[in-house]
Each structure stands twice: as C-alpha cells, then as structure tokens.
C-alpha atoms as a PDB file:
ATOM      1  CA  MET A   1     107.741  82.271  45.299  1.00  0.00           C
ATOM      2  CA  ALA A   2     109.656  85.497  45.014  1.00  0.00           C
ATOM      3  CA  PRO A   3     111.165  87.047  48.151  1.00  0.00           C
ATOM      4  CA  VAL A   4     109.258  89.835  49.890  1.00  0.00           C
ATOM      5  CA  THR A   5     110.719  93.282  49.220  1.00  0.00           C
ATOM      6  CA  LEU A   6     111.706  95.600  52.043  1.00  0.00           C
ATOM      7  CA  GLN A   7     109.459  98.239  50.492  1.00  0.00           C
ATOM      8  CA  ARG A   8     106.453  95.957  50.959  1.00  0.00           C
ATOM      9  CA  ILE A   9     107.400  95.280  54.567  1.00  0.00           C
ATOM     10  CA  VAL A  10     107.627  99.014  55.231  1.00  0.00           C
ATOM     11  CA  GLN A  11     104.254  99.617  53.553  1.00  0.00           C
ATOM     12  CA  GLU A  12     102.565  96.868  55.569  1.00  0.00           C
ATOM     13  CA  LEU A  13     103.977  98.085  58.881  1.00  0.00           C
ATOM     14  CA  GLU A  14     102.998 101.687  58.076  1.00  0.00           C
ATOM     15  CA  LYS A  15      99.496 100.485  57.210  1.00  0.00           C
ATOM     16  CA  LEU A  16      99.215  98.610  60.514  1.00  0.00           C
ATOM     17  CA  LYS A  17     100.361 101.724  62.397  1.00  0.00           C
ATOM     18  CA  LYS A  18      97.770 103.931  60.660  1.00  0.00           C
ATOM     19  CA  GLU A  19      95.004 101.447  61.415  1.00  0.00           C
ATOM     20  CA  MET A  20      96.059 101.259  65.081  1.00  0.00           C
ATOM     21  CA  ASP A  21      96.219 105.048  65.366  1.00  0.00           C
ATOM     22  CA  SER A  22      92.775 105.474  63.815  1.00  0.00           C
ATOM     23  CA  GLY A  23      91.249 102.891  66.132  1.00  0.00           C
ATOM     24  CA  ALA A  24      90.276 100.612  63.268  1.00  0.00           C
ATOM     25  CA  LEU A  25      92.527  97.863  64.601  1.00  0.00           C
ATOM     26  CA  LYS A  26      92.649  96.455  68.123  1.00  0.00           C
ATOM     27  CA  HIS A  27      95.829  95.186  69.786  1.00  0.00           C
ATOM     28  CA  GLY A  28      94.877  91.545  69.322  1.00  0.00           C
ATOM     29  CA  GLU A  29      94.194  92.100  65.641  1.00  0.00           C
ATOM     30  CA  TYR A  30      97.498  93.943  65.286  1.00  0.00           C
ATOM     31  CA  ASP A  31      99.305  90.993  66.870  1.00  0.00           C
ATOM     32  CA  GLN A  32      97.568  88.522  64.556  1.00  0.00           C
ATOM     33  CA  ARG A  33      98.386  90.497  61.417  1.00  0.00           C
ATOM     34  CA  LEU A  34     101.977  91.011  62.527  1.00  0.00           C
ATOM     35  CA  ALA A  35     102.331  87.265  63.178  1.00  0.00           C
ATOM     36  CA  ARG A  36     100.910  86.470  59.724  1.00  0.00           C
ATOM     37  CA  MET A  37     103.318  88.922  58.127  1.00  0.00           C
ATOM     38  CA  ILE A  38     106.295  87.420  59.957  1.00  0.00           C
ATOM     39  CA  GLY A  39     105.179  83.927  58.931  1.00  0.00           C
ATOM     40  CA  GLU A  40     105.043  85.013  55.302  1.00  0.00           C
ATOM     41  CA  LEU A  41     108.502  86.547  55.600  1.00  0.00           C
ATOM     42  CA  ARG A  42     109.873  83.310  57.021  1.00  0.00           C
ATOM     43  CA  ASP A  43     108.243  81.261  54.250  1.00  0.00           C
ATOM     44  CA  ARG A  44     109.125  83.505  51.329  1.00  0.00           C
ATOM     45  CA  LYS A  45     112.314  85.104  52.660  1.00  0.00           C
ATOM     46  CA  ILE A  46     113.176  88.786  52.498  1.00  0.00           C
ATOM     47  CA  GLU A  47     114.891  90.575  49.666  1.00  0.00           C
ATOM     48  CA  GLY A  48     117.993  92.077  51.289  1.00  0.00           C
ATOM     49  CA  ASP A  49     120.739  91.216  53.722  1.00  0.00           C
ATOM     50  CA  ARG A  50     120.682  91.305  57.517  1.00  0.00           C
ATOM     51  CA  GLY A  51     122.255  94.756  57.706  1.00  0.00           C
ATOM     52  CA  THR A  52     119.705  96.277  55.328  1.00  0.00           C
ATOM     53  CA  ILE A  53     116.803  94.671  57.166  1.00  0.00           C
ATOM     54  CA  ASP A  54     118.128  95.853  60.534  1.00  0.00           C
ATOM     55  CA  THR A  55     118.656  99.389  59.179  1.00  0.00           C
ATOM     56  CA  THR A  56     115.151  99.457  57.709  1.00  0.00           C
ATOM     57  CA  LEU A  57     113.582  98.362  60.996  1.00  0.00           C
ATOM     58  CA  ALA A  58     115.698 100.910  62.903  1.00  0.00           C
ATOM     59  CA  ASP A  59     114.342 103.644  60.612  1.00  0.00           C
ATOM     60  CA  LEU A  60     110.772 102.472  61.222  1.00  0.00           C
ATOM     61  CA  LEU A  61     111.467 102.574  64.960  1.00  0.00           C
ATOM     62  CA  LYS A  62     112.914 106.080  64.720  1.00  0.00           C
ATOM     63  CA  ARG A  63     109.840 107.279  62.790  1.00  0.00           C
ATOM     64  CA  GLY A  64     107.499 105.737  65.363  1.00  0.00           C
ATOM     65  CA  VAL A  65     105.997 103.180  62.987  1.00  0.00           C
ATOM     66  CA  ILE A  66     107.014 100.299  65.246  1.00  0.00           C
ATOM     67  CA  THR A  67     107.913 100.046  68.916  1.00  0.00           C
ATOM     68  CA  PRO A  68     111.199  98.675  70.270  1.00  0.00           C
ATOM     69  CA  SER A  69     109.420  95.471  71.303  1.00  0.00           C
ATOM     70  CA  VAL A  70     107.985  94.977  67.791  1.00  0.00           C
ATOM     71  CA  GLN A  71     111.426  95.570  66.277  1.00  0.00           C
ATOM     72  CA  ALA A  72     113.011  93.042  68.644  1.00  0.00           C
ATOM     73  CA  HIS A  73     110.208  90.541  67.995  1.00  0.00           C
ATOM     74  CA  ILE A  74     110.596  90.759  64.216  1.00  0.00           C
ATOM     75  CA  LEU A  75     114.372  90.442  64.383  1.00  0.00           C
ATOM     76  CA  LYS A  76     114.148  87.464  66.744  1.00  0.00           C
ATOM     77  CA  ARG A  77     111.482  85.635  64.729  1.00  0.00           C
ATOM     78  CA  LEU A  78     113.487  86.107  61.541  1.00  0.00           C
ATOM     79  CA  GLY A  79     116.666  84.908  63.234  1.00  0.00           C
ATOM     80  CA  ILE A  80     118.478  88.191  62.705  1.00  0.00           C
ATOM     81  CA  SER A  81     119.180  89.182  66.309  1.00  0.00           C
END
C-alpha cells in the first residue's frame, strides 16, 4: 500500500472538525474515527519526514482544527514525540 499523504491527513482532520462543529459528530464518534485514522497511518505510514509531520500538525493546531491534546496524541501514537 502507498503511504498516506499529509494532504489527506489534513483533509480528514478538517472534515472531523467541521462535523464536530456542526453537531453531526459526537465526542465518542470523533475519538473512534481519530483512532481509526491513526491506525491506518501506522499501518500504511505517512508520506513525509518527522519535521514535516510535526509542522503540519502545528499548523492545524494554530488554525484550531485540532486541540493540543489531539496533536500530542497523534504524535505519541505515531512515535514522533
């Protein structure tokens, strides 16, 4: 399988944020979808190096797409932090 692109990760996280903001997604569902996404990233790997991934997540944090705890969770689960 091909690695997951950073662009796809950004799109998926933005989609989750929009669904949470609109009320279409509950916290438990958000957690489940985030866990599935992280599992896929671990299985398929991510296109990019640690610095690029960290920078991308920092930008998502700055824009309010993810929270600091989500950023830390993703980095920890991917073995980046």
